[in-house]
């Protein structure tokens, strides 16, 4: 169950940068998006807390941030037309390899 908590926590990590990006415009603050970001932060942290009961902190934190980084990268390309260069995909691929590697060597 801890790994499920960790994966879902990492997925909530995608929500808060999106909420922050959409929460501030030239016209001012968009409070619905800011609250969405805050809710994602709380949910992500709470699920990470549950995951760390059974998964070592270093492994859990690295995987949590990795899932968040890879997801934010993909969302940036998909929703915000950020550059989709081969070099960016290569380095995000290294993050994915690290996530998989940590899972494979984890004692849990």
N, C-alpha and C. Protein backbone atom coordinates (compact mmCIF):
# COMPACT_ATOMS: atom_id res chain seq x y z
N UNK A 1 0.81 -1.19 0.00
CA UNK A 1 0.00 0.00 0.00
C UNK A 1 0.86 1.27 0.00
N UNK A 2 2.03 1.18 0.63
CA UNK A 2 2.91 2.35 0.71
C UNK A 2 3.32 2.84 -0.68
N UNK A 3 3.56 1.90 -1.60
CA UNK A 3 3.97 2.30 -2.95
C UNK A 3 2.82 2.97 -3.69
N UNK A 4 1.61 2.53 -3.43
CA UNK A 4 0.45 3.18 -4.04
C UNK A 4 0.32 4.61 -3.51
N UNK A 5 0.47 4.77 -2.19
CA UNK A 5 0.45 6.11 -1.61
C UNK A 5 1.52 7.00 -2.25
N UNK A 6 2.70 6.43 -2.44
CA UNK A 6 3.81 7.21 -2.98
C UNK A 6 3.54 7.64 -4.42
N UNK A 7 3.03 6.75 -5.24
CA UNK A 7 2.74 7.10 -6.63
C UNK A 7 1.65 8.17 -6.70
N UNK A 8 0.61 8.01 -5.90
CA UNK A 8 -0.47 9.02 -5.91
C UNK A 8 0.06 10.35 -5.38
N UNK A 9 0.91 10.30 -4.36
CA UNK A 9 1.52 11.54 -3.83
C UNK A 9 2.31 12.23 -4.94
N UNK A 10 3.07 11.46 -5.70
CA UNK A 10 3.83 12.03 -6.81
C UNK A 10 2.93 12.64 -7.86
N UNK A 11 1.77 12.03 -8.09
CA UNK A 11 0.83 12.58 -9.06
C UNK A 11 0.21 13.89 -8.56
N UNK A 12 -0.03 14.00 -7.25
CA UNK A 12 -0.50 15.27 -6.71
C UNK A 12 0.56 16.36 -6.85
N UNK A 13 1.82 15.96 -6.94
CA UNK A 13 2.89 16.93 -7.17
C UNK A 13 2.73 17.63 -8.51
N UNK A 14 2.02 17.02 -9.44
CA UNK A 14 1.79 17.67 -10.74
C UNK A 14 0.84 18.85 -10.60
N UNK A 15 -0.08 18.77 -9.65
CA UNK A 15 -1.13 19.76 -9.54
C UNK A 15 -0.69 21.11 -9.03
N UNK A 16 0.25 21.10 -8.10
CA UNK A 16 0.56 22.41 -7.52
C UNK A 16 1.35 23.33 -8.45
N UNK A 17 2.32 22.86 -9.25
CA UNK A 17 2.94 23.83 -10.16
C UNK A 17 1.98 24.32 -11.24
N UNK A 18 1.06 23.45 -11.66
CA UNK A 18 0.05 23.88 -12.64
C UNK A 18 -0.85 24.94 -12.00
N UNK A 19 -1.30 24.67 -10.77
CA UNK A 19 -2.14 25.64 -10.09
C UNK A 19 -1.45 26.97 -9.88
N UNK A 20 -0.17 26.93 -9.53
CA UNK A 20 0.56 28.19 -9.35
C UNK A 20 0.75 28.92 -10.68
N UNK A 21 1.04 28.17 -11.73
CA UNK A 21 1.23 28.80 -13.04
C UNK A 21 -0.05 29.47 -13.52
N UNK A 22 -1.18 28.79 -13.32
CA UNK A 22 -2.45 29.35 -13.75
C UNK A 22 -3.03 30.34 -12.74
N UNK A 23 -2.47 30.37 -11.55
CA UNK A 23 -3.01 31.21 -10.49
C UNK A 23 -2.60 32.65 -10.54
N UNK A 24 -1.60 32.98 -11.32
CA UNK A 24 -1.16 34.37 -11.42
C UNK A 24 -1.14 34.78 -12.88
N UNK A 25 -1.93 35.78 -13.20
CA UNK A 25 -1.99 36.29 -14.58
C UNK A 25 -1.69 37.78 -14.55
N UNK A 26 -1.63 38.36 -15.72
CA UNK A 26 -1.42 39.81 -15.80
C UNK A 26 -2.59 40.57 -15.18
N UNK A 27 -3.75 39.92 -15.09
CA UNK A 27 -4.93 40.55 -14.49
C UNK A 27 -4.98 40.35 -12.97
N UNK A 28 -4.08 39.58 -12.43
CA UNK A 28 -4.03 39.38 -10.98
C UNK A 28 -4.15 37.91 -10.59
N UNK A 29 -4.43 37.71 -9.32
CA UNK A 29 -4.52 36.36 -8.77
C UNK A 29 -5.83 35.69 -9.17
N UNK A 30 -5.74 34.41 -9.47
CA UNK A 30 -6.91 33.58 -9.73
C UNK A 30 -6.97 32.59 -8.56
N UNK A 31 -7.76 32.93 -7.55
CA UNK A 31 -7.74 32.24 -6.27
C UNK A 31 -8.16 30.78 -6.36
N UNK A 32 -9.00 30.44 -7.30
CA UNK A 32 -9.39 29.04 -7.45
C UNK A 32 -8.18 28.17 -7.77
N UNK A 33 -7.31 28.65 -8.65
CA UNK A 33 -6.10 27.90 -9.01
C UNK A 33 -5.10 27.87 -7.86
N UNK A 34 -5.01 28.98 -7.12
CA UNK A 34 -4.11 29.01 -5.97
C UNK A 34 -4.58 28.00 -4.91
N UNK A 35 -5.87 27.94 -4.67
CA UNK A 35 -6.41 26.96 -3.71
C UNK A 35 -6.22 25.53 -4.21
N UNK A 36 -6.37 25.33 -5.52
CA UNK A 36 -6.11 24.01 -6.11
C UNK A 36 -4.66 23.61 -5.84
N UNK A 37 -3.72 24.54 -6.05
CA UNK A 37 -2.30 24.25 -5.80
C UNK A 37 -2.08 23.89 -4.33
N UNK A 38 -2.67 24.65 -3.43
CA UNK A 38 -2.51 24.39 -2.00
C UNK A 38 -3.09 23.02 -1.62
N UNK A 39 -4.24 22.68 -2.17
CA UNK A 39 -4.85 21.38 -1.89
C UNK A 39 -3.95 20.24 -2.39
N UNK A 40 -3.37 20.42 -3.56
CA UNK A 40 -2.46 19.40 -4.09
C UNK A 40 -1.22 19.24 -3.21
N UNK A 41 -0.70 20.37 -2.71
CA UNK A 41 0.45 20.30 -1.81
C UNK A 41 0.13 19.51 -0.55
N UNK A 42 -1.02 19.80 0.04
CA UNK A 42 -1.42 19.11 1.27
C UNK A 42 -1.63 17.62 1.01
N UNK A 43 -2.34 17.29 -0.07
CA UNK A 43 -2.60 15.89 -0.38
C UNK A 43 -1.30 15.15 -0.67
N UNK A 44 -0.41 15.78 -1.43
CA UNK A 44 0.85 15.15 -1.76
C UNK A 44 1.68 14.89 -0.51
N UNK A 45 1.78 15.89 0.36
CA UNK A 45 2.55 15.73 1.59
C UNK A 45 1.96 14.68 2.51
N UNK A 46 0.64 14.65 2.62
CA UNK A 46 -0.01 13.66 3.49
C UNK A 46 0.23 12.24 2.99
N UNK A 47 0.14 12.05 1.70
CA UNK A 47 0.38 10.71 1.14
C UNK A 47 1.85 10.32 1.24
N UNK A 48 2.75 11.28 1.08
CA UNK A 48 4.18 10.99 1.29
C UNK A 48 4.41 10.56 2.74
N UNK A 49 3.77 11.23 3.67
CA UNK A 49 3.87 10.87 5.08
C UNK A 49 3.46 9.42 5.29
N UNK A 50 2.35 9.01 4.70
CA UNK A 50 1.90 7.62 4.83
C UNK A 50 2.87 6.65 4.18
N UNK A 51 3.40 7.01 3.03
CA UNK A 51 4.32 6.12 2.32
C UNK A 51 5.61 5.90 3.11
N UNK A 52 6.06 6.94 3.80
CA UNK A 52 7.34 6.86 4.52
C UNK A 52 7.27 5.99 5.77
N UNK A 53 6.09 5.53 6.11
CA UNK A 53 6.01 4.58 7.22
C UNK A 53 6.69 3.27 6.85
N UNK A 54 6.67 2.90 5.57
CA UNK A 54 7.22 1.62 5.13
C UNK A 54 8.37 1.74 4.13
N UNK A 55 8.51 2.88 3.49
CA UNK A 55 9.56 3.07 2.48
C UNK A 55 10.61 4.00 3.08
N UNK A 56 11.90 3.67 2.95
CA UNK A 56 12.94 4.55 3.48
C UNK A 56 12.80 5.98 2.96
N UNK A 57 13.08 6.94 3.82
CA UNK A 57 12.85 8.35 3.49
C UNK A 57 13.59 8.79 2.22
N UNK A 58 14.84 8.38 2.06
CA UNK A 58 15.59 8.79 0.88
C UNK A 58 14.99 8.25 -0.40
N UNK A 59 14.58 7.00 -0.37
CA UNK A 59 13.94 6.39 -1.53
C UNK A 59 12.60 7.05 -1.81
N UNK A 60 11.79 7.21 -0.77
CA UNK A 60 10.46 7.80 -0.95
C UNK A 60 10.56 9.22 -1.49
N UNK A 61 11.44 10.01 -0.91
CA UNK A 61 11.56 11.41 -1.35
C UNK A 61 12.06 11.51 -2.78
N UNK A 62 13.06 10.72 -3.13
CA UNK A 62 13.61 10.76 -4.49
C UNK A 62 12.55 10.35 -5.52
N UNK A 63 11.81 9.31 -5.22
CA UNK A 63 10.78 8.84 -6.15
C UNK A 63 9.64 9.86 -6.22
N UNK A 64 9.24 10.40 -5.10
CA UNK A 64 8.17 11.41 -5.04
C UNK A 64 8.51 12.62 -5.89
N UNK A 65 9.72 13.15 -5.70
CA UNK A 65 10.11 14.32 -6.50
C UNK A 65 10.31 13.95 -7.96
N UNK A 66 10.81 12.75 -8.21
CA UNK A 66 10.98 12.31 -9.61
C UNK A 66 9.67 12.20 -10.35
N UNK A 67 8.67 11.60 -9.71
CA UNK A 67 7.35 11.50 -10.34
C UNK A 67 6.80 12.90 -10.59
N UNK A 68 6.97 13.77 -9.62
CA UNK A 68 6.50 15.15 -9.79
C UNK A 68 7.21 15.86 -10.92
N UNK A 69 8.53 15.69 -11.01
CA UNK A 69 9.30 16.36 -12.05
C UNK A 69 8.94 15.85 -13.44
N UNK A 70 8.83 14.54 -13.58
CA UNK A 70 8.50 13.96 -14.89
C UNK A 70 7.09 14.37 -15.31
N UNK A 71 6.16 14.33 -14.36
CA UNK A 71 4.79 14.74 -14.68
C UNK A 71 4.69 16.21 -15.04
N UNK A 72 5.37 17.07 -14.29
CA UNK A 72 5.35 18.50 -14.59
C UNK A 72 5.98 18.77 -15.96
N UNK A 73 7.03 18.04 -16.28
CA UNK A 73 7.66 18.15 -17.59
C UNK A 73 6.66 17.82 -18.70
N UNK A 74 5.97 16.69 -18.56
CA UNK A 74 5.00 16.27 -19.58
C UNK A 74 3.83 17.24 -19.69
N UNK A 75 3.32 17.70 -18.55
CA UNK A 75 2.21 18.65 -18.56
C UNK A 75 2.65 19.97 -19.19
N UNK A 76 3.87 20.38 -18.92
CA UNK A 76 4.38 21.61 -19.53
C UNK A 76 4.39 21.54 -21.05
N UNK A 77 4.79 20.40 -21.57
CA UNK A 77 4.79 20.23 -23.02
C UNK A 77 3.36 20.16 -23.54
N UNK A 78 2.53 19.39 -22.87
CA UNK A 78 1.16 19.14 -23.33
C UNK A 78 0.27 20.37 -23.23
N UNK A 79 0.27 21.05 -22.09
CA UNK A 79 -0.66 22.15 -21.87
C UNK A 79 -0.09 23.54 -22.12
N UNK A 80 1.22 23.69 -21.98
CA UNK A 80 1.80 25.02 -22.02
C UNK A 80 2.78 25.22 -23.17
N UNK A 81 2.80 24.29 -24.11
CA UNK A 81 3.63 24.39 -25.32
C UNK A 81 5.10 24.64 -24.99
N UNK A 82 5.60 24.02 -23.93
CA UNK A 82 7.01 24.14 -23.61
C UNK A 82 7.83 23.31 -24.60
N UNK A 83 9.11 23.62 -24.76
CA UNK A 83 9.92 22.91 -25.76
C UNK A 83 9.98 21.41 -25.52
N UNK A 84 9.86 20.66 -26.61
CA UNK A 84 9.92 19.20 -26.55
C UNK A 84 11.17 18.74 -27.31
N UNK A 85 12.32 19.14 -26.81
CA UNK A 85 13.56 18.81 -27.50
C UNK A 85 14.08 17.44 -27.08
N UNK A 86 14.88 16.87 -27.93
CA UNK A 86 15.47 15.58 -27.66
C UNK A 86 16.32 15.62 -26.38
N UNK A 87 17.06 16.69 -26.19
CA UNK A 87 17.90 16.81 -25.00
C UNK A 87 17.05 16.81 -23.72
N UNK A 88 15.93 17.52 -23.72
CA UNK A 88 15.06 17.54 -22.54
C UNK A 88 14.52 16.14 -22.26
N UNK A 89 14.08 15.44 -23.30
CA UNK A 89 13.57 14.08 -23.12
C UNK A 89 14.67 13.15 -22.61
N UNK A 90 15.87 13.32 -23.10
CA UNK A 90 16.99 12.49 -22.65
C UNK A 90 17.19 12.65 -21.13
N UNK A 91 17.25 13.89 -20.67
CA UNK A 91 17.53 14.10 -19.25
C UNK A 91 16.35 13.72 -18.36
N UNK A 92 15.14 13.88 -18.84
CA UNK A 92 13.99 13.39 -18.08
C UNK A 92 14.01 11.87 -18.06
N UNK A 93 14.47 11.26 -19.15
CA UNK A 93 14.62 9.81 -19.18
C UNK A 93 15.59 9.32 -18.10
N UNK A 94 16.62 10.10 -17.83
CA UNK A 94 17.54 9.74 -16.75
C UNK A 94 16.84 9.75 -15.39
N UNK A 95 15.93 10.70 -15.20
CA UNK A 95 15.14 10.74 -13.97
C UNK A 95 14.29 9.47 -13.87
N UNK A 96 13.65 9.10 -14.97
CA UNK A 96 12.82 7.89 -14.97
C UNK A 96 13.66 6.66 -14.65
N UNK A 97 14.84 6.57 -15.23
CA UNK A 97 15.74 5.44 -14.93
C UNK A 97 16.07 5.42 -13.44
N UNK A 98 16.31 6.59 -12.86
CA UNK A 98 16.58 6.67 -11.42
C UNK A 98 15.41 6.21 -10.58
N UNK A 99 14.20 6.60 -10.97
CA UNK A 99 13.00 6.18 -10.24
C UNK A 99 12.86 4.66 -10.29
N UNK A 100 12.97 4.10 -11.48
CA UNK A 100 12.84 2.64 -11.64
C UNK A 100 13.95 1.93 -10.87
N UNK A 101 15.16 2.45 -10.97
CA UNK A 101 16.28 1.84 -10.26
C UNK A 101 16.07 1.83 -8.76
N UNK A 102 15.61 2.94 -8.21
CA UNK A 102 15.35 2.98 -6.77
C UNK A 102 14.27 2.00 -6.35
N UNK A 103 13.26 1.87 -7.17
CA UNK A 103 12.20 0.88 -6.86
C UNK A 103 12.76 -0.52 -6.88
N UNK A 104 13.58 -0.81 -7.87
CA UNK A 104 14.12 -2.16 -8.01
C UNK A 104 15.04 -2.57 -6.85
N UNK A 105 15.77 -1.62 -6.30
CA UNK A 105 16.71 -1.95 -5.23
C UNK A 105 16.12 -1.69 -3.84
N UNK A 106 14.87 -1.24 -3.79
CA UNK A 106 14.25 -0.95 -2.50
C UNK A 106 13.93 -2.25 -1.77
N UNK A 107 14.17 -2.28 -0.46
CA UNK A 107 13.88 -3.50 0.31
C UNK A 107 12.38 -3.76 0.48
N UNK A 108 11.55 -2.79 0.22
CA UNK A 108 10.10 -2.94 0.40
C UNK A 108 9.46 -3.50 -0.86
